[in-house]
Amino acid sequence: MPAVLDLWKKSTALPLGDRLFSLAFSQKAPYFASIRPRFAVVEPDRAELVIHKRRRVHNHIGTLHAIALCNGLEAAMGALAESTIPRDRRWIPRGMEVAYTAKADSDVTCIAETDPEQWTAELGEGYDLPVRVRGVRVDGTTVIEGEIRLWISPRKR
């Protein structure tokens, strides 16, 4: 079992385990701590986290800042990738394309999703793997959606 997935399963078996996992994950990539992500789902091909609407992540009109949302999408994608990728492969982000579709005026759940067959494609020198990402307000409205492209390549031995 991948280390991130194992840590999620062990952490969430404890009281406040989702908070412990979220803190540990944010320490691995400290920039993620700026949004204080609260992971809700970590499993192969899917990860979800919540960014709470608080002043520290507001923009000039009092909604969640676009870059805070992108940060949340990237954190969700990272947890998904670490929980899904086969052991003989590695990943690195190559790009992100998003559209802002509504105001983020509440907490936002950031969701990253892939399909299982994306991770087992012919490897060769490597390939692009698109991860579907979106952010959803409390009322169900999508506020951001797009794709993060990963480069999948052989793990160096």
Protein backbone atom coordinates (compact mmCIF):
# COMPACT_ATOMS: atom_id res chain seq x y z
CA MET A 1 0.00 0.00 0.00
CA PRO A 2 1.38 3.45 -0.86
CA ALA A 3 2.68 5.38 2.17
CA VAL A 4 0.17 8.25 1.91
CA LEU A 5 -2.76 5.84 1.69
CA ASP A 6 -1.40 3.81 4.61
CA LEU A 7 -0.98 7.00 6.69
CA TRP A 8 -4.55 8.06 5.83
CA LYS A 9 -5.98 4.70 6.91
CA LYS A 10 -4.00 4.63 10.16
CA SER A 11 -4.71 8.27 10.98
CA THR A 12 -8.43 8.17 10.33
CA ALA A 13 -8.79 5.19 12.65
CA LEU A 14 -7.91 7.61 15.48
CA PRO A 15 -10.01 10.40 16.98
CA LEU A 16 -9.31 13.60 15.02
CA GLY A 17 -7.27 11.48 12.62
CA ASP A 18 -8.28 13.50 9.56
CA ARG A 19 -6.79 16.58 11.24
CA LEU A 20 -3.58 14.72 12.07
CA PHE A 21 -3.26 13.50 8.49
CA SER A 22 -3.96 16.98 7.09
CA LEU A 23 -1.29 18.50 9.32
CA ALA A 24 1.26 15.82 8.39
CA PHE A 25 0.50 16.20 4.68
CA SER A 26 0.94 19.98 4.92
CA GLN A 27 4.33 19.52 6.57
CA LYS A 28 5.57 17.43 3.65
CA ALA A 29 4.86 20.33 1.29
CA PRO A 30 4.74 23.36 3.63
CA TYR A 31 3.09 25.73 1.15
CA PHE A 32 -0.11 23.68 1.49
CA ALA A 33 -0.29 24.75 5.14
CA SER A 34 -1.28 28.26 3.98
CA ILE A 35 -4.78 27.00 3.17
CA ARG A 36 -5.08 24.63 6.15
CA PRO A 37 -6.56 21.80 4.09
CA ARG A 38 -8.85 19.34 5.86
CA PHE A 39 -8.76 16.05 3.97
CA ALA A 40 -12.06 14.17 3.82
CA VAL A 41 -11.29 11.40 1.28
CA VAL A 42 -7.98 9.83 0.27
CA GLU A 43 -8.21 6.72 -1.88
CA PRO A 44 -6.89 5.49 -5.20
CA ASP A 45 -8.24 7.68 -8.02
CA ARG A 46 -9.96 10.18 -5.69
CA ALA A 47 -9.07 12.72 -3.04
CA GLU A 48 -11.14 15.45 -1.41
CA LEU A 49 -10.24 18.21 0.98
CA VAL A 50 -12.00 21.26 2.37
CA ILE A 51 -10.67 24.80 2.43
CA HIS A 52 -12.50 26.77 5.08
CA LYS A 53 -13.53 30.32 4.21
CA ARG A 54 -11.47 32.49 6.52
CA ARG A 55 -9.86 35.89 6.20
CA ARG A 56 -6.34 34.57 5.59
CA VAL A 57 -7.40 33.08 2.22
CA HIS A 58 -9.74 35.89 1.10
CA ASN A 59 -9.28 38.07 -1.94
CA HIS A 60 -10.22 41.76 -2.14
CA ILE A 61 -13.98 40.99 -2.42
CA GLY A 62 -14.10 38.64 0.57
CA THR A 63 -14.30 35.32 -1.29
CA LEU A 64 -11.70 32.56 -1.41
CA HIS A 65 -8.71 33.69 -3.44
CA ALA A 66 -8.18 32.00 -6.81
CA ILE A 67 -4.67 30.88 -5.91
CA ALA A 68 -5.87 29.41 -2.60
CA LEU A 69 -8.35 27.35 -4.64
CA CYS A 70 -5.58 26.24 -7.02
CA ASN A 71 -3.45 25.33 -4.01
CA GLY A 72 -6.30 23.17 -2.70
CA LEU A 73 -6.74 21.47 -6.06
CA GLU A 74 -3.03 20.72 -6.24
CA ALA A 75 -2.99 19.31 -2.70
CA ALA A 76 -5.94 17.03 -3.52
CA MET A 77 -4.21 15.94 -6.73
CA GLY A 78 -0.99 15.20 -4.83
CA ALA A 79 -2.77 12.98 -2.30
CA LEU A 80 -4.56 11.18 -5.14
CA ALA A 81 -1.32 10.67 -7.09
CA GLU A 82 0.60 9.39 -4.06
CA SER A 83 -2.25 7.00 -3.24
CA THR A 84 -2.65 5.65 -6.76
CA ILE A 85 0.61 5.55 -8.70
CA PRO A 86 2.20 2.11 -9.21
CA ARG A 87 5.48 1.59 -7.36
CA ASP A 88 7.54 1.46 -10.57
CA ARG A 89 6.45 4.96 -11.62
CA ARG A 90 6.85 8.53 -10.47
CA TRP A 91 4.93 11.72 -11.17
CA ILE A 92 5.54 15.42 -11.44
CA PRO A 93 3.05 18.20 -12.29
CA ARG A 94 3.48 19.68 -15.78
CA GLY A 95 0.69 22.19 -15.87
CA MET A 96 -2.68 23.30 -14.64
CA GLU A 97 -5.59 24.78 -16.51
CA VAL A 98 -8.63 25.98 -14.60
CA ALA A 99 -11.74 28.05 -15.11
CA TYR A 100 -13.33 30.07 -12.33
CA THR A 101 -17.05 29.49 -12.71
CA ALA A 102 -18.65 31.12 -9.64
CA LYS A 103 -17.77 33.07 -6.50
CA ALA A 104 -16.23 30.97 -3.74
CA ASP A 105 -18.24 32.57 -0.94
CA SER A 106 -18.34 29.56 1.41
CA ASP A 107 -16.08 26.68 2.38
CA VAL A 108 -14.96 24.84 -0.75
CA THR A 109 -14.40 21.12 -1.23
CA CYS A 110 -11.51 20.47 -3.64
CA ILE A 111 -11.84 17.19 -5.54
CA ALA A 112 -9.29 15.37 -7.72
CA GLU A 113 -10.23 12.31 -9.77
CA THR A 114 -8.69 9.89 -12.25
CA ASP A 115 -9.64 6.55 -13.79
CA PRO A 116 -7.67 3.39 -12.85
CA GLU A 117 -6.54 2.67 -16.42
CA GLN A 118 -4.78 6.04 -16.62
CA TRP A 119 -2.12 4.78 -14.21
CA THR A 120 -1.36 1.56 -16.08
CA ALA A 121 -0.96 2.94 -19.61
CA GLU A 122 2.09 1.90 -21.63
CA LEU A 123 4.98 3.63 -19.87
CA GLY A 124 7.75 3.96 -22.48
CA GLU A 125 9.72 7.14 -21.74
CA GLY A 126 6.71 8.55 -19.95
CA TYR A 127 3.30 10.02 -20.69
CA ASP A 128 0.92 12.82 -19.75
CA LEU A 129 -1.85 11.95 -17.32
CA PRO A 130 -4.71 14.45 -16.92
CA VAL A 131 -6.22 14.70 -13.43
CA ARG A 132 -9.75 16.15 -13.33
CA VAL A 133 -10.08 18.75 -10.57
CA ARG A 134 -12.93 20.89 -9.30
CA GLY A 135 -13.92 22.96 -6.29
CA VAL A 136 -17.48 22.93 -4.97
CA ARG A 137 -19.21 25.37 -2.61
CA VAL A 138 -21.32 24.18 0.32
CA ASP A 139 -24.48 24.66 -1.80
CA GLY A 140 -23.13 22.32 -4.51
CA THR A 141 -22.13 25.01 -7.00
CA THR A 142 -18.85 24.40 -8.82
CA VAL A 143 -16.60 27.44 -8.36
CA ILE A 144 -13.49 26.18 -10.15
CA GLU A 145 -12.86 23.29 -12.52
CA GLY A 146 -10.09 22.11 -14.75
CA GLU A 147 -7.23 19.74 -15.19
CA ILE A 148 -3.78 19.22 -13.74
CA ARG A 149 -1.42 17.44 -16.13
CA LEU A 150 1.08 15.04 -14.62
CA TRP A 151 4.13 13.56 -16.30
CA ILE A 152 4.34 9.87 -15.45
CA SER A 153 7.74 8.27 -15.96
CA PRO A 154 9.71 5.23 -14.83
CA ARG A 155 11.00 5.39 -11.26
CA LYS A 156 14.79 5.46 -11.25
CA ARG A 157 16.30 2.47 -9.51
